[in-house]
Amino acid sequence: MKVLFICGDNVGRSQAAEALFNKYAKKSTAWSCAGKPTWTKERDISNIEKEMPDVHDIVVIMKEDYGLDISKKVSKPFNKEMVAKSDRVIVMCDPKDCPRIKDAEYWNTPRLSLYDREGKREIIKGIEAKTRDLIKALGE
């Protein structure tokens, strides 16, 4: 089974879900993309804390709390082919802010950039719980 996680900017919610899903799932795999493109090339993480503090927080949280290095992840723009190649689609933002996709499941997950590091940490814990529930529902 292939699961696609989509969020508005693909710099936090969907990439965290992808990394957590791939960490815990045994048979299935996940990937993520942006409902609207933001980054198109690999990140230079040397100045990420100054240039993109929200992304830096997410990278740090994923490394410290889950042992996952997502620093090299890049934003992948959403396209219909990605949906067609996926068995399950999870949209992680408010439905009014994200693409409407037939048969997608919507996890109305708050935008991480609105929270401090501890707030982001709590949201990511919620993403982890939903991701584990999804894996269990898939029979893994």
Protein backbone atom coordinates (compact mmCIF):
# COMPACT_ATOMS: atom_id res chain seq x y z
CA MET A 1 0.00 0.00 0.00
CA LYS A 2 1.26 3.49 -0.86
CA VAL A 3 0.04 6.43 1.23
CA LEU A 4 0.33 10.03 0.07
CA PHE A 5 0.37 12.82 2.67
CA ILE A 6 -0.45 16.29 1.36
CA CYS A 7 -0.29 19.64 3.15
CA GLY A 8 -0.29 23.25 2.06
CA ASP A 9 3.44 23.84 2.01
CA ASN A 10 5.11 20.43 2.56
CA VAL A 11 7.63 21.70 5.10
CA GLY A 12 6.27 20.14 8.24
CA ARG A 13 3.04 18.26 8.66
CA SER A 14 3.12 15.98 5.64
CA GLN A 15 6.87 15.39 5.82
CA ALA A 16 6.61 14.49 9.52
CA ALA A 17 3.75 12.09 8.73
CA GLU A 18 5.71 10.55 5.85
CA ALA A 19 8.80 10.01 8.01
CA LEU A 20 6.81 8.58 10.93
CA PHE A 21 4.74 6.32 8.69
CA ASN A 22 7.84 4.95 6.98
CA LYS A 23 9.50 4.42 10.38
CA TYR A 24 6.61 2.38 11.83
CA ALA A 25 5.01 0.63 8.84
CA LYS A 26 6.24 -2.83 7.93
CA LYS A 27 4.79 -3.37 4.44
CA SER A 28 3.42 -0.04 3.26
CA THR A 29 5.27 3.13 2.26
CA ALA A 30 4.43 6.81 2.33
CA TRP A 31 5.42 9.92 0.46
CA SER A 32 4.43 13.55 0.75
CA CYS A 33 3.82 16.58 -1.40
CA ALA A 34 2.67 20.18 -1.24
CA GLY A 35 -0.80 21.38 -2.15
CA LYS A 36 0.94 24.48 -3.43
CA PRO A 37 4.66 24.37 -4.19
CA THR A 38 7.08 26.18 -1.91
CA TRP A 39 10.54 24.66 -2.23
CA THR A 40 11.83 23.16 -5.42
CA LYS A 41 15.45 22.33 -4.68
CA GLU A 42 17.35 20.67 -1.88
CA ARG A 43 17.70 22.75 1.25
CA ASP A 44 20.96 24.27 2.34
CA ILE A 45 20.58 23.60 6.05
CA SER A 46 23.66 25.61 7.10
CA ASN A 47 21.54 28.76 7.63
CA ILE A 48 18.17 27.14 8.12
CA GLU A 49 17.76 28.33 11.73
CA LYS A 50 18.08 31.98 10.65
CA GLU A 51 16.34 31.75 7.30
CA MET A 52 13.50 29.37 8.16
CA PRO A 53 13.14 29.00 11.93
CA ASP A 54 9.89 26.99 11.63
CA VAL A 55 11.55 24.39 9.42
CA HIS A 56 14.57 24.31 11.72
CA ASP A 57 12.29 23.57 14.70
CA ILE A 58 10.61 20.71 12.83
CA VAL A 59 13.97 19.22 11.77
CA VAL A 60 15.21 19.42 15.39
CA ILE A 61 12.02 17.89 16.83
CA MET A 62 12.03 14.98 14.40
CA LYS A 63 15.71 14.27 15.14
CA GLU A 64 15.49 14.66 18.94
CA ASP A 65 12.13 13.00 19.55
CA TYR A 66 12.02 10.32 16.85
CA GLY A 67 15.59 9.82 15.64
CA LEU A 68 14.56 10.82 12.11
CA ASP A 69 16.66 13.14 9.95
CA ILE A 70 14.35 15.01 7.59
CA SER A 71 16.83 17.81 6.87
CA LYS A 72 17.39 16.65 3.28
CA LYS A 73 13.70 16.39 2.39
CA VAL A 74 12.56 18.63 -0.43
CA SER A 75 9.10 19.93 -1.22
CA LYS A 76 7.40 18.07 -4.04
CA PRO A 77 4.62 19.95 -5.82
CA PHE A 78 1.26 18.22 -5.87
CA ASN A 79 0.06 16.67 -9.11
CA LYS A 80 -2.75 14.32 -10.16
CA GLU A 81 -0.33 11.52 -11.04
CA MET A 82 0.77 11.32 -7.39
CA VAL A 83 -2.82 10.80 -6.32
CA ALA A 84 -3.36 8.19 -9.05
CA LYS A 85 -0.28 6.24 -7.89
CA SER A 86 -1.44 6.25 -4.25
CA ASP A 87 -3.73 3.76 -2.57
CA ARG A 88 -4.64 6.18 0.21
CA VAL A 89 -4.49 9.98 0.31
CA ILE A 90 -4.34 11.97 3.54
CA VAL A 91 -4.72 15.76 3.33
CA MET A 92 -3.28 17.36 6.46
CA CYS A 93 -4.60 20.91 6.43
CA ASP A 94 -7.90 22.68 6.71
CA PRO A 95 -9.97 21.57 3.69
CA LYS A 96 -10.53 25.21 2.68
CA ASP A 97 -6.73 25.70 2.42
CA CYS A 98 -5.84 22.48 0.58
CA PRO A 99 -6.76 20.76 -2.65
CA ARG A 100 -10.12 18.97 -2.72
CA ILE A 101 -9.42 15.37 -3.64
CA LYS A 102 -12.12 12.78 -4.16
CA ASP A 103 -11.95 9.98 -1.58
CA ALA A 104 -9.15 11.65 0.40
CA GLU A 105 -9.13 11.56 4.18
CA TYR A 106 -8.71 14.97 5.83
CA TRP A 107 -6.68 15.37 9.00
CA ASN A 108 -7.31 18.99 9.93
CA THR A 109 -3.83 19.49 11.39
CA PRO A 110 -2.84 23.01 12.52
CA ARG A 111 -0.23 24.89 10.52
CA LEU A 112 3.03 24.38 12.41
CA SER A 113 4.35 27.87 11.65
CA LEU A 114 1.72 29.33 14.00
CA TYR A 115 3.28 27.67 17.06
CA ASP A 116 6.49 27.84 19.07
CA ARG A 117 8.75 24.79 19.27
CA GLU A 118 6.80 23.17 22.12
CA GLY A 119 3.52 23.76 20.29
CA LYS A 120 5.00 22.17 17.17
CA ARG A 121 6.17 19.24 19.30
CA GLU A 122 2.60 18.65 20.54
CA ILE A 123 1.17 18.81 17.02
CA ILE A 124 3.76 16.33 15.79
CA LYS A 125 2.82 13.99 18.67
CA GLY A 126 -0.75 14.18 17.37
CA ILE A 127 0.46 13.38 13.85
CA GLU A 128 2.37 10.40 15.25
CA ALA A 129 -0.76 9.09 17.01
CA LYS A 130 -2.88 9.44 13.86
CA THR A 131 -0.14 7.82 11.78
CA ARG A 132 0.09 4.85 14.15
CA ASP A 133 -3.72 4.51 14.05
CA LEU A 134 -3.62 4.53 10.24
CA ILE A 135 -0.93 1.83 10.16
CA LYS A 136 -2.99 -0.28 12.55
CA ALA A 137 -6.11 0.23 10.40
CA LEU A 138 -4.12 -0.96 7.39
CA GLY A 139 -3.46 -4.21 9.22
CA GLU A 140 0.25 -3.78 9.84
